[in-house]
Amino acid sequence: MKKANMKGLVMELTSEGENIPFDDFLIQMSGSGEIYEEWYGDYLEAAVSDEITTDNIHDYLLPLTREVLLEAVREDKEVYMELATSIWSAYNQLKKRHELRRGFIDLTLMSE
């Protein structure tokens, strides 16, 4: 997978001659099918191959993820359930690690 810069993929977005954040643009376009334009796929590919930063996640990946979840819940409940289950699983894994670091969990429970 070739590396691409996440921020570099997002073109300058304007509304009424003013620059607008990516999140605002996506909110305006929500439900229009805009997220199926090729560059969104390129962006998601970059998200799994890039040196991720919290700024990239906050500014770009979170808004796009929100739109993917909204599309899934409107268009394909099975896809939505796969996504939601994956998020829930990740949450539980992170929670166990947090509890382990804090001393709230028995190591024998980590294999469950």
N, C-alpha and C. Protein backbone atom coordinates (compact mmCIF):
# COMPACT_ATOMS: atom_id res chain seq x y z
N MET A 1 0.85 -1.17 0.00
CA MET A 1 0.00 0.00 0.00
C MET A 1 0.89 1.24 0.00
N LYS A 2 0.68 2.13 -0.95
CA LYS A 2 1.52 3.32 -1.00
C LYS A 2 1.12 4.30 0.09
N LYS A 3 2.10 5.00 0.59
CA LYS A 3 1.82 5.99 1.63
C LYS A 3 1.34 7.28 1.00
N ALA A 4 0.34 7.86 1.60
CA ALA A 4 -0.16 9.15 1.17
C ALA A 4 -0.35 10.01 2.41
N ASN A 5 -0.16 11.28 2.27
CA ASN A 5 -0.35 12.21 3.37
C ASN A 5 -1.83 12.53 3.49
N MET A 6 -2.42 12.25 4.65
CA MET A 6 -3.85 12.45 4.83
C MET A 6 -4.26 13.90 4.58
N LYS A 7 -3.57 14.81 5.21
CA LYS A 7 -3.92 16.22 5.08
C LYS A 7 -3.75 16.70 3.63
N GLY A 8 -2.73 16.18 2.96
CA GLY A 8 -2.48 16.58 1.59
C GLY A 8 -3.56 16.13 0.61
N LEU A 9 -4.34 15.14 0.98
CA LEU A 9 -5.40 14.65 0.10
C LEU A 9 -6.64 15.54 0.13
N VAL A 10 -6.81 16.28 1.22
CA VAL A 10 -8.01 17.11 1.35
C VAL A 10 -7.75 18.45 0.69
N MET A 11 -8.51 18.69 -0.36
CA MET A 11 -8.36 19.95 -1.08
C MET A 11 -8.90 21.10 -0.24
N GLU A 12 -8.55 22.31 -0.63
CA GLU A 12 -9.08 23.48 0.06
C GLU A 12 -10.58 23.55 -0.21
N LEU A 13 -11.36 23.65 0.84
CA LEU A 13 -12.81 23.66 0.72
C LEU A 13 -13.32 25.05 1.03
N THR A 14 -14.22 25.53 0.18
CA THR A 14 -14.78 26.87 0.39
C THR A 14 -16.30 26.83 0.27
N SER A 15 -16.92 27.76 0.93
CA SER A 15 -18.35 27.98 0.84
C SER A 15 -18.57 29.48 0.85
N GLU A 16 -19.22 29.97 -0.18
CA GLU A 16 -19.46 31.41 -0.33
C GLU A 16 -18.16 32.19 -0.22
N GLY A 17 -17.10 31.65 -0.83
CA GLY A 17 -15.81 32.33 -0.88
C GLY A 17 -14.97 32.23 0.38
N GLU A 18 -15.45 31.55 1.39
CA GLU A 18 -14.72 31.40 2.65
C GLU A 18 -14.23 29.96 2.80
N ASN A 19 -13.01 29.81 3.30
CA ASN A 19 -12.52 28.47 3.61
C ASN A 19 -13.35 27.87 4.73
N ILE A 20 -13.66 26.60 4.59
CA ILE A 20 -14.42 25.92 5.63
C ILE A 20 -13.69 24.64 6.04
N PRO A 21 -13.84 24.23 7.30
CA PRO A 21 -13.22 22.98 7.75
C PRO A 21 -13.85 21.77 7.04
N PHE A 22 -13.07 20.72 6.90
CA PHE A 22 -13.53 19.48 6.29
C PHE A 22 -14.82 18.99 6.96
N ASP A 23 -14.88 19.05 8.28
CA ASP A 23 -16.06 18.61 9.02
C ASP A 23 -17.31 19.38 8.59
N ASP A 24 -17.20 20.69 8.50
CA ASP A 24 -18.35 21.51 8.07
C ASP A 24 -18.79 21.13 6.66
N PHE A 25 -17.83 20.89 5.78
CA PHE A 25 -18.14 20.48 4.42
C PHE A 25 -18.92 19.18 4.42
N LEU A 26 -18.45 18.20 5.19
CA LEU A 26 -19.13 16.91 5.21
C LEU A 26 -20.53 17.02 5.80
N ILE A 27 -20.70 17.84 6.81
CA ILE A 27 -22.04 18.03 7.39
C ILE A 27 -22.98 18.60 6.33
N GLN A 28 -22.51 19.57 5.56
CA GLN A 28 -23.33 20.16 4.50
C GLN A 28 -23.70 19.14 3.43
N MET A 29 -22.79 18.19 3.17
CA MET A 29 -22.99 17.21 2.10
C MET A 29 -23.60 15.90 2.59
N SER A 30 -23.85 15.78 3.88
CA SER A 30 -24.34 14.53 4.47
C SER A 30 -25.56 13.99 3.73
N GLY A 31 -25.50 12.71 3.39
CA GLY A 31 -26.62 12.05 2.72
C GLY A 31 -26.69 12.25 1.23
N SER A 32 -25.77 13.04 0.67
CA SER A 32 -25.81 13.36 -0.76
C SER A 32 -25.08 12.33 -1.63
N GLY A 33 -24.33 11.44 -1.01
CA GLY A 33 -23.51 10.50 -1.76
C GLY A 33 -22.13 11.04 -2.06
N GLU A 34 -21.85 12.25 -1.61
CA GLU A 34 -20.54 12.89 -1.83
C GLU A 34 -19.39 12.01 -1.34
N ILE A 35 -19.60 11.28 -0.24
CA ILE A 35 -18.50 10.50 0.32
C ILE A 35 -18.05 9.36 -0.58
N TYR A 36 -18.79 9.09 -1.66
CA TYR A 36 -18.40 8.02 -2.58
C TYR A 36 -17.50 8.52 -3.70
N GLU A 37 -17.16 9.80 -3.68
CA GLU A 37 -16.19 10.30 -4.65
C GLU A 37 -14.84 9.65 -4.35
N GLU A 38 -14.05 9.44 -5.38
CA GLU A 38 -12.82 8.66 -5.27
C GLU A 38 -11.86 9.15 -4.18
N TRP A 39 -11.74 10.45 -4.00
CA TRP A 39 -10.73 10.94 -3.05
C TRP A 39 -11.04 10.57 -1.61
N TYR A 40 -12.30 10.30 -1.28
CA TYR A 40 -12.60 9.84 0.08
C TYR A 40 -12.02 8.45 0.31
N GLY A 41 -12.11 7.59 -0.69
CA GLY A 41 -11.50 6.27 -0.60
C GLY A 41 -10.00 6.37 -0.46
N ASP A 42 -9.40 7.29 -1.23
CA ASP A 42 -7.96 7.52 -1.12
C ASP A 42 -7.61 7.96 0.30
N TYR A 43 -8.45 8.80 0.86
CA TYR A 43 -8.20 9.30 2.20
C TYR A 43 -8.26 8.18 3.23
N LEU A 44 -9.27 7.31 3.11
CA LEU A 44 -9.37 6.19 4.04
C LEU A 44 -8.19 5.24 3.88
N GLU A 45 -7.73 5.05 2.67
CA GLU A 45 -6.54 4.23 2.44
C GLU A 45 -5.33 4.85 3.14
N ALA A 46 -5.20 6.17 3.04
CA ALA A 46 -4.09 6.86 3.71
C ALA A 46 -4.21 6.72 5.22
N ALA A 47 -5.42 6.69 5.73
CA ALA A 47 -5.62 6.59 7.18
C ALA A 47 -5.08 5.29 7.74
N VAL A 48 -5.08 4.23 6.94
CA VAL A 48 -4.57 2.96 7.44
C VAL A 48 -3.10 2.76 7.12
N SER A 49 -2.51 3.68 6.36
CA SER A 49 -1.10 3.51 6.01
C SER A 49 -0.22 4.67 6.46
N ASP A 50 -0.82 5.76 6.87
CA ASP A 50 -0.09 6.97 7.22
C ASP A 50 0.41 6.92 8.66
N GLU A 51 1.41 7.74 8.93
CA GLU A 51 1.82 7.98 10.31
C GLU A 51 0.71 8.85 10.90
N ILE A 52 -0.17 8.24 11.63
CA ILE A 52 -1.38 8.92 12.09
C ILE A 52 -1.04 9.91 13.20
N THR A 53 -1.72 11.03 13.18
CA THR A 53 -1.59 12.02 14.26
C THR A 53 -2.97 12.29 14.81
N THR A 54 -3.03 12.79 16.02
CA THR A 54 -4.34 13.12 16.59
C THR A 54 -5.02 14.22 15.79
N ASP A 55 -4.24 15.14 15.22
CA ASP A 55 -4.84 16.18 14.39
C ASP A 55 -5.51 15.58 13.16
N ASN A 56 -4.84 14.62 12.50
CA ASN A 56 -5.44 13.96 11.34
C ASN A 56 -6.72 13.23 11.72
N ILE A 57 -6.70 12.58 12.86
CA ILE A 57 -7.90 11.87 13.30
C ILE A 57 -9.02 12.87 13.57
N HIS A 58 -8.72 13.88 14.35
CA HIS A 58 -9.76 14.85 14.73
C HIS A 58 -10.29 15.63 13.52
N ASP A 59 -9.40 16.13 12.70
CA ASP A 59 -9.80 17.02 11.62
C ASP A 59 -10.39 16.31 10.41
N TYR A 60 -9.96 15.08 10.16
CA TYR A 60 -10.35 14.41 8.91
C TYR A 60 -11.00 13.05 9.10
N LEU A 61 -10.37 12.17 9.85
CA LEU A 61 -10.88 10.81 9.95
C LEU A 61 -12.19 10.73 10.73
N LEU A 62 -12.31 11.44 11.84
CA LEU A 62 -13.57 11.40 12.60
C LEU A 62 -14.77 11.89 11.80
N PRO A 63 -14.66 13.03 11.11
CA PRO A 63 -15.82 13.46 10.31
C PRO A 63 -16.19 12.45 9.22
N LEU A 64 -15.19 11.88 8.56
CA LEU A 64 -15.47 10.91 7.51
C LEU A 64 -16.05 9.62 8.09
N THR A 65 -15.53 9.20 9.23
CA THR A 65 -16.07 8.01 9.89
C THR A 65 -17.52 8.22 10.29
N ARG A 66 -17.84 9.39 10.79
CA ARG A 66 -19.23 9.70 11.14
C ARG A 66 -20.13 9.53 9.93
N GLU A 67 -19.69 10.06 8.78
CA GLU A 67 -20.50 9.96 7.57
C GLU A 67 -20.65 8.52 7.09
N VAL A 68 -19.59 7.73 7.22
CA VAL A 68 -19.67 6.31 6.84
C VAL A 68 -20.67 5.59 7.74
N LEU A 69 -20.62 5.86 9.04
CA LEU A 69 -21.57 5.24 9.97
C LEU A 69 -23.01 5.66 9.65
N LEU A 70 -23.21 6.94 9.37
CA LEU A 70 -24.55 7.42 9.03
C LEU A 70 -25.06 6.78 7.74
N GLU A 71 -24.20 6.68 6.73
CA GLU A 71 -24.58 6.02 5.47
C GLU A 71 -24.93 4.56 5.73
N ALA A 72 -24.12 3.90 6.54
CA ALA A 72 -24.36 2.48 6.81
C ALA A 72 -25.69 2.27 7.52
N VAL A 73 -25.99 3.09 8.51
CA VAL A 73 -27.24 2.90 9.25
C VAL A 73 -28.45 3.20 8.36
N ARG A 74 -28.29 4.11 7.39
CA ARG A 74 -29.40 4.43 6.46
C ARG A 74 -29.52 3.40 5.35
N GLU A 75 -28.40 2.88 4.89
CA GLU A 75 -28.40 2.08 3.67
C GLU A 75 -28.24 0.57 3.88
N ASP A 76 -27.52 0.16 4.91
CA ASP A 76 -27.23 -1.26 5.06
C ASP A 76 -26.97 -1.57 6.52
N LYS A 77 -28.02 -2.04 7.21
CA LYS A 77 -27.91 -2.30 8.66
C LYS A 77 -26.85 -3.35 8.97
N GLU A 78 -26.63 -4.31 8.06
CA GLU A 78 -25.62 -5.33 8.30
C GLU A 78 -24.22 -4.71 8.33
N VAL A 79 -23.95 -3.82 7.41
CA VAL A 79 -22.67 -3.12 7.40
C VAL A 79 -22.54 -2.27 8.66
N TYR A 80 -23.61 -1.58 9.03
CA TYR A 80 -23.59 -0.79 10.25
C TYR A 80 -23.26 -1.67 11.46
N MET A 81 -23.90 -2.84 11.56
CA MET A 81 -23.66 -3.72 12.70
C MET A 81 -22.21 -4.21 12.72
N GLU A 82 -21.62 -4.47 11.57
CA GLU A 82 -20.21 -4.86 11.51
C GLU A 82 -19.32 -3.74 12.05
N LEU A 83 -19.61 -2.53 11.62
CA LEU A 83 -18.82 -1.38 12.09
C LEU A 83 -19.00 -1.16 13.59
N ALA A 84 -20.24 -1.17 14.05
CA ALA A 84 -20.52 -0.93 15.46
C ALA A 84 -19.89 -2.02 16.33
N THR A 85 -19.95 -3.27 15.87
CA THR A 85 -19.36 -4.38 16.61
C THR A 85 -17.85 -4.23 16.69
N SER A 86 -17.24 -3.80 15.60
CA SER A 86 -15.79 -3.58 15.59
C SER A 86 -15.40 -2.47 16.56
N ILE A 87 -16.17 -1.40 16.59
CA ILE A 87 -15.90 -0.29 17.52
C ILE A 87 -16.06 -0.76 18.95
N TRP A 88 -17.10 -1.52 19.21
CA TRP A 88 -17.35 -2.04 20.56
C TRP A 88 -16.21 -2.95 21.00
N SER A 89 -15.75 -3.81 20.09
CA SER A 89 -14.64 -4.71 20.39
C SER A 89 -13.37 -3.91 20.71
N ALA A 90 -13.06 -2.90 19.90
CA ALA A 90 -11.89 -2.07 20.15
C ALA A 90 -12.01 -1.37 21.51
N TYR A 91 -13.19 -0.86 21.80
CA TYR A 91 -13.44 -0.21 23.09
C TYR A 91 -13.14 -1.17 24.24
N ASN A 92 -13.64 -2.39 24.14
CA ASN A 92 -13.44 -3.36 25.22
C ASN A 92 -11.97 -3.73 25.38
N GLN A 93 -11.24 -3.85 24.27
CA GLN A 93 -9.80 -4.14 24.35
C GLN A 93 -9.06 -3.00 25.03
N LEU A 94 -9.38 -1.78 24.65
CA LEU A 94 -8.73 -0.62 25.26
C LEU A 94 -9.09 -0.49 26.74
N LYS A 95 -10.33 -0.79 27.06
CA LYS A 95 -10.78 -0.74 28.45
C LYS A 95 -10.00 -1.73 29.30
N LYS A 96 -9.81 -2.95 28.79
CA LYS A 96 -9.04 -3.95 29.53
C LYS A 96 -7.61 -3.48 29.77
N ARG A 97 -7.00 -2.90 28.73
CA ARG A 97 -5.62 -2.39 28.89
C ARG A 97 -5.57 -1.28 29.93
N HIS A 98 -6.55 -0.40 29.88
CA HIS A 98 -6.61 0.69 30.85
C HIS A 98 -6.75 0.13 32.27
N GLU A 99 -7.66 -0.82 32.43
CA GLU A 99 -7.87 -1.40 33.75
C GLU A 99 -6.63 -2.14 34.23
N LEU A 100 -5.93 -2.80 33.33
CA LEU A 100 -4.69 -3.50 33.68
C LEU A 100 -3.64 -2.51 34.18
N ARG A 101 -3.47 -1.42 33.44
CA ARG A 101 -2.49 -0.39 33.85
C ARG A 101 -2.84 0.19 35.22
N ARG A 102 -4.12 0.32 35.47
CA ARG A 102 -4.56 0.91 36.74
C ARG A 102 -4.61 -0.12 37.86
N GLY A 103 -4.38 -1.39 37.54
CA GLY A 103 -4.40 -2.43 38.56
C GLY A 103 -5.79 -2.91 38.92
N PHE A 104 -6.76 -2.69 38.04
CA PHE A 104 -8.14 -3.06 38.32
C PHE A 104 -8.54 -4.41 37.76
N ILE A 105 -7.61 -5.12 37.13
CA ILE A 105 -7.99 -6.34 36.44
C ILE A 105 -6.98 -7.44 36.73
N ASP A 106 -7.47 -8.63 36.86
CA ASP A 106 -6.64 -9.82 37.06
C ASP A 106 -6.08 -10.24 35.70
N LEU A 107 -4.79 -10.50 35.62
CA LEU A 107 -4.16 -10.89 34.34
C LEU A 107 -4.79 -12.12 33.74
N THR A 108 -5.35 -13.00 34.53
CA THR A 108 -5.96 -14.22 33.98
C THR A 108 -7.21 -13.89 33.17
N LEU A 109 -7.81 -12.74 33.37
CA LEU A 109 -9.00 -12.34 32.62
C LEU A 109 -8.65 -11.81 31.23
N MET A 110 -7.40 -11.48 30.98
CA MET A 110 -6.99 -10.89 29.71
C MET A 110 -7.19 -11.86 28.54
N SER A 111 -7.23 -13.16 28.77
CA SER A 111 -7.38 -14.11 27.67
C SER A 111 -8.84 -14.27 27.28
N GLU A 112 -9.77 -13.73 28.01
CA GLU A 112 -11.19 -13.86 27.71
C GLU A 112 -11.58 -13.00 26.53
